[in-house]
Amino acid sequence: MSRLAGGASIEGMEQKLRQALTRRQKLHISDPHRVSSAVLIPIYRKHGQPHILFIQRTDRVRDHKGQISFPGGAYEEGDENLLQTALRESTEEVGIMAEDVEVLGELDDYRTIGSNYVISPFVAGIPWPYQFKVDEWETEGIIEVPISTLLDESNVRRDKDILEGEEIDQYYYHYQDKVIWGATARILKQLLDILADVPQDEKP
């Protein structure tokens, strides 16, 4: 069970989100021409407010240089499954240990534009405060964003893009001087839609 500072449980929040995630059917994408990858979406309460953790990638990584994303990366041969990929990468990039993660459910798979990945997202609760350990080679830093800010329509801009010949919606979430965009923003939009559908008295 994840705990807030002072020992208060956030199990109630996680339970409501888990129920919302399990009620939906995940879209799986099987594409042999793309690299399988996975990300973890860490959610926790900080100063009483639910937050989501993002990372900003360095300019040294091969793909998605300087972009804001969730912790994660490509599937490797030693990974038992894509969940293990997400957990392994989260440990490597920001020091989140697998034993501290409570997986709440999955979102749909997403294709990237401009690179060759299929991303499988896993939503998880983690405790706070937490001693993050940033891998400075891959990760420029962490960005902690209140969910309430992301749900504020004034902080998102919408546009269109082309993915494999089809027009898709793109989103740009603004937080302070940062912009969350690309596949990360499309994954985030799905999560926020799920949260928005939870009745008002059940929202985390």
Protein backbone atom coordinates (compact mmCIF):
# COMPACT_ATOMS: atom_id res chain seq x y z
CA MET A 1 0.00 0.00 0.00
CA SER A 2 1.40 3.41 -0.92
CA ARG A 3 1.61 6.00 1.83
CA LEU A 4 1.56 9.74 2.08
CA ALA A 5 3.91 11.65 4.32
CA GLY A 6 2.74 11.10 7.87
CA GLY A 7 1.44 7.62 7.04
CA ALA A 8 -1.91 8.52 5.49
CA SER A 9 -3.04 5.94 2.92
CA ILE A 10 -3.72 6.88 -0.70
CA GLU A 11 -5.14 3.43 -1.38
CA GLY A 12 -8.59 4.98 -1.90
CA MET A 13 -7.37 7.18 -4.75
CA GLU A 14 -5.54 4.30 -6.37
CA GLN A 15 -8.50 1.98 -6.03
CA LYS A 16 -10.80 4.36 -7.93
CA LEU A 17 -8.30 4.79 -10.72
CA ARG A 18 -7.67 1.03 -10.89
CA GLN A 19 -11.42 0.39 -11.21
CA ALA A 20 -11.71 2.95 -14.01
CA LEU A 21 -8.80 1.37 -15.88
CA THR A 22 -10.07 -2.20 -15.54
CA ARG A 23 -13.51 -1.24 -16.89
CA ARG A 24 -12.05 -0.41 -20.31
CA GLN A 25 -10.66 -2.57 -23.12
CA LYS A 26 -7.00 -1.90 -23.91
CA LEU A 27 -6.02 -1.43 -27.55
CA HIS A 28 -2.99 -3.63 -28.30
CA ILE A 29 -0.82 -2.80 -31.31
CA SER A 30 1.27 -5.60 -32.79
CA ASP A 31 3.62 -4.16 -35.42
CA PRO A 32 6.72 -6.17 -36.37
CA HIS A 33 8.15 -3.12 -38.15
CA ARG A 34 8.28 -1.08 -34.93
CA VAL A 35 10.30 -1.42 -31.72
CA SER A 36 8.26 -2.51 -28.68
CA SER A 37 8.68 -0.18 -25.72
CA ALA A 38 6.97 0.64 -22.44
CA VAL A 39 6.60 3.56 -20.05
CA LEU A 40 5.56 3.93 -16.44
CA ILE A 41 3.16 6.73 -15.46
CA PRO A 42 3.98 7.35 -11.78
CA ILE A 43 1.16 9.00 -9.78
CA TYR A 44 1.50 10.13 -6.19
CA ARG A 45 0.19 12.70 -3.73
CA LYS A 46 2.51 15.61 -3.01
CA HIS A 47 1.36 18.19 -0.46
CA GLY A 48 -2.14 16.69 -0.71
CA GLN A 49 -2.40 17.00 -4.51
CA PRO A 50 -2.13 14.12 -6.99
CA HIS A 51 0.88 14.59 -9.27
CA ILE A 52 2.28 12.81 -12.32
CA LEU A 53 6.03 12.42 -12.76
CA PHE A 54 7.61 13.15 -16.14
CA ILE A 55 11.25 13.27 -17.19
CA GLN A 56 13.07 15.52 -19.62
CA ARG A 57 15.49 13.59 -21.79
CA THR A 58 19.00 14.82 -22.43
CA ASP A 59 20.44 15.67 -25.84
CA ARG A 60 22.72 12.61 -25.53
CA VAL A 61 20.02 9.96 -26.03
CA ARG A 62 19.50 8.49 -29.49
CA ASP A 63 15.79 9.29 -29.88
CA HIS A 64 13.47 12.01 -28.54
CA LYS A 65 16.33 14.33 -27.57
CA GLY A 66 15.30 16.98 -25.05
CA GLN A 67 11.68 15.87 -25.04
CA ILE A 68 9.46 15.44 -22.00
CA SER A 69 8.23 11.88 -21.52
CA PHE A 70 7.33 9.28 -18.95
CA PRO A 71 10.12 7.06 -17.61
CA GLY A 72 10.56 4.14 -19.98
CA GLY A 73 12.31 2.77 -23.01
CA ALA A 74 12.73 -0.09 -25.46
CA TYR A 75 12.06 -3.74 -24.67
CA GLU A 76 15.25 -5.74 -24.16
CA GLU A 77 15.79 -9.45 -24.64
CA GLY A 78 16.14 -10.13 -20.91
CA ASP A 79 12.78 -8.51 -20.05
CA GLU A 80 10.04 -11.00 -19.15
CA ASN A 81 7.36 -8.68 -20.50
CA LEU A 82 6.68 -5.02 -21.25
CA LEU A 83 5.76 -4.26 -17.64
CA GLN A 84 9.25 -5.36 -16.65
CA THR A 85 10.61 -3.08 -19.38
CA ALA A 86 8.78 -0.11 -17.86
CA LEU A 87 9.95 -0.98 -14.33
CA ARG A 88 13.56 -1.58 -15.38
CA GLU A 89 13.78 1.66 -17.30
CA SER A 90 12.16 3.62 -14.45
CA THR A 91 14.78 2.27 -12.07
CA GLU A 92 17.59 3.12 -14.46
CA GLU A 93 16.36 6.62 -15.33
CA VAL A 94 14.97 7.99 -12.06
CA GLY A 95 15.64 5.36 -9.38
CA ILE A 96 12.05 4.16 -8.85
CA MET A 97 12.40 0.65 -7.46
CA ALA A 98 9.99 -2.06 -8.64
CA GLU A 99 9.03 -3.00 -5.08
CA ASP A 100 7.75 0.56 -4.51
CA VAL A 101 5.44 0.46 -7.53
CA GLU A 102 1.75 -0.47 -7.37
CA VAL A 103 0.53 -1.06 -10.91
CA LEU A 104 -3.02 0.23 -11.37
CA GLY A 105 -3.65 -0.71 -14.99
CA GLU A 106 -2.75 -0.11 -18.62
CA LEU A 107 -3.59 2.42 -21.28
CA ASP A 108 -3.77 1.82 -25.04
CA ASP A 109 -0.62 1.22 -27.06
CA TYR A 110 0.57 4.21 -29.08
CA ARG A 111 2.75 4.61 -32.17
CA THR A 112 5.32 7.38 -32.24
CA ILE A 113 5.79 9.89 -35.05
CA GLY A 114 9.32 10.54 -36.25
CA SER A 115 10.71 7.42 -34.58
CA ASN A 116 9.85 3.76 -34.85
CA TYR A 117 8.29 2.71 -31.53
CA VAL A 118 5.08 1.22 -30.18
CA ILE A 119 4.63 2.37 -26.56
CA SER A 120 2.77 0.35 -23.93
CA PRO A 121 1.88 2.61 -20.96
CA PHE A 122 1.46 1.32 -17.38
CA VAL A 123 -0.22 3.53 -14.76
CA ALA A 124 1.20 3.14 -11.25
CA GLY A 125 1.02 4.55 -7.77
CA ILE A 126 4.25 5.28 -5.92
CA PRO A 127 4.89 6.63 -2.40
CA TRP A 128 5.85 10.21 -1.65
CA PRO A 129 8.17 11.65 -0.53
CA TYR A 130 10.54 9.55 -2.64
CA GLN A 131 14.31 9.59 -3.10
CA PHE A 132 14.58 9.82 -6.89
CA LYS A 133 18.00 9.12 -8.41
CA VAL A 134 18.36 10.71 -11.82
CA ASP A 135 20.63 9.10 -14.42
CA GLU A 136 22.27 12.23 -15.78
CA TRP A 137 23.28 10.57 -19.05
CA GLU A 138 19.69 9.91 -20.12
CA THR A 139 17.65 12.23 -17.92
CA GLU A 140 18.04 16.00 -17.75
CA GLY A 141 15.68 16.16 -14.78
CA ILE A 142 12.27 15.23 -13.40
CA ILE A 143 9.11 17.31 -13.75
CA GLU A 144 6.32 16.91 -11.20
CA VAL A 145 3.00 18.19 -12.53
CA PRO A 146 -0.26 18.44 -10.53
CA ILE A 147 -3.09 16.55 -12.22
CA SER A 148 -5.37 19.55 -11.62
CA THR A 149 -3.08 21.65 -13.84
CA LEU A 150 -3.22 19.08 -16.63
CA LEU A 151 -7.02 18.92 -16.42
CA ASP A 152 -7.26 22.71 -16.82
CA GLU A 153 -8.30 23.26 -20.45
CA SER A 154 -6.49 26.60 -20.54
CA ASN A 155 -3.18 24.71 -20.34
CA VAL A 156 -3.66 22.53 -23.44
CA ARG A 157 -3.47 23.35 -27.15
CA ARG A 158 -4.84 21.04 -29.83
CA ASP A 159 -3.58 20.44 -33.36
CA LYS A 160 -3.53 17.80 -36.10
CA ASP A 161 -0.73 15.59 -37.39
CA ILE A 162 -0.28 12.71 -39.82
CA LEU A 163 0.60 9.21 -38.62
CA GLU A 164 1.04 6.49 -41.24
CA GLY A 165 -1.13 8.40 -43.71
CA GLU A 166 -3.96 9.14 -41.28
CA GLU A 167 -4.81 12.43 -39.58
CA ILE A 168 -4.64 12.25 -35.78
CA ASP A 169 -5.19 14.65 -32.90
CA GLN A 170 -2.13 16.09 -31.22
CA TYR A 171 -1.99 17.82 -27.84
CA TYR A 172 0.40 20.29 -26.23
CA TYR A 173 0.23 20.55 -22.43
CA HIS A 174 1.89 23.64 -20.97
CA TYR A 175 3.34 23.65 -17.46
CA GLN A 176 5.55 26.52 -16.37
CA ASP A 177 8.19 26.74 -19.14
CA LYS A 178 7.71 23.13 -20.30
CA VAL A 179 5.59 21.66 -23.09
CA ILE A 180 4.46 18.03 -23.11
CA TRP A 181 3.73 16.89 -26.66
CA GLY A 182 3.96 13.97 -29.08
CA ALA A 183 3.09 10.41 -28.06
CA THR A 184 3.51 11.36 -24.38
CA ALA A 185 0.77 13.96 -24.71
CA ARG A 186 -1.55 11.54 -26.52
CA ILE A 187 -1.04 8.96 -23.77
CA LEU A 188 -1.61 11.66 -21.15
CA LYS A 189 -4.83 12.77 -22.88
CA GLN A 190 -6.26 9.27 -22.57
CA LEU A 191 -5.42 9.10 -18.88
CA LEU A 192 -6.93 12.53 -18.23
CA ASP A 193 -10.11 11.54 -20.09
CA ILE A 194 -10.41 8.50 -17.82
CA LEU A 195 -9.93 10.68 -14.73
CA ALA A 196 -12.46 13.21 -16.02
CA ASP A 197 -15.07 10.45 -16.41
CA VAL A 198 -14.81 9.49 -12.74
CA PRO A 199 -17.80 11.04 -10.90
CA GLN A 200 -16.92 14.29 -9.11
CA ASP A 201 -17.08 12.82 -5.60
CA GLU A 202 -14.78 9.94 -6.64
CA LYS A 203 -11.98 11.95 -8.24
CA PRO A 204 -8.58 11.56 -6.62
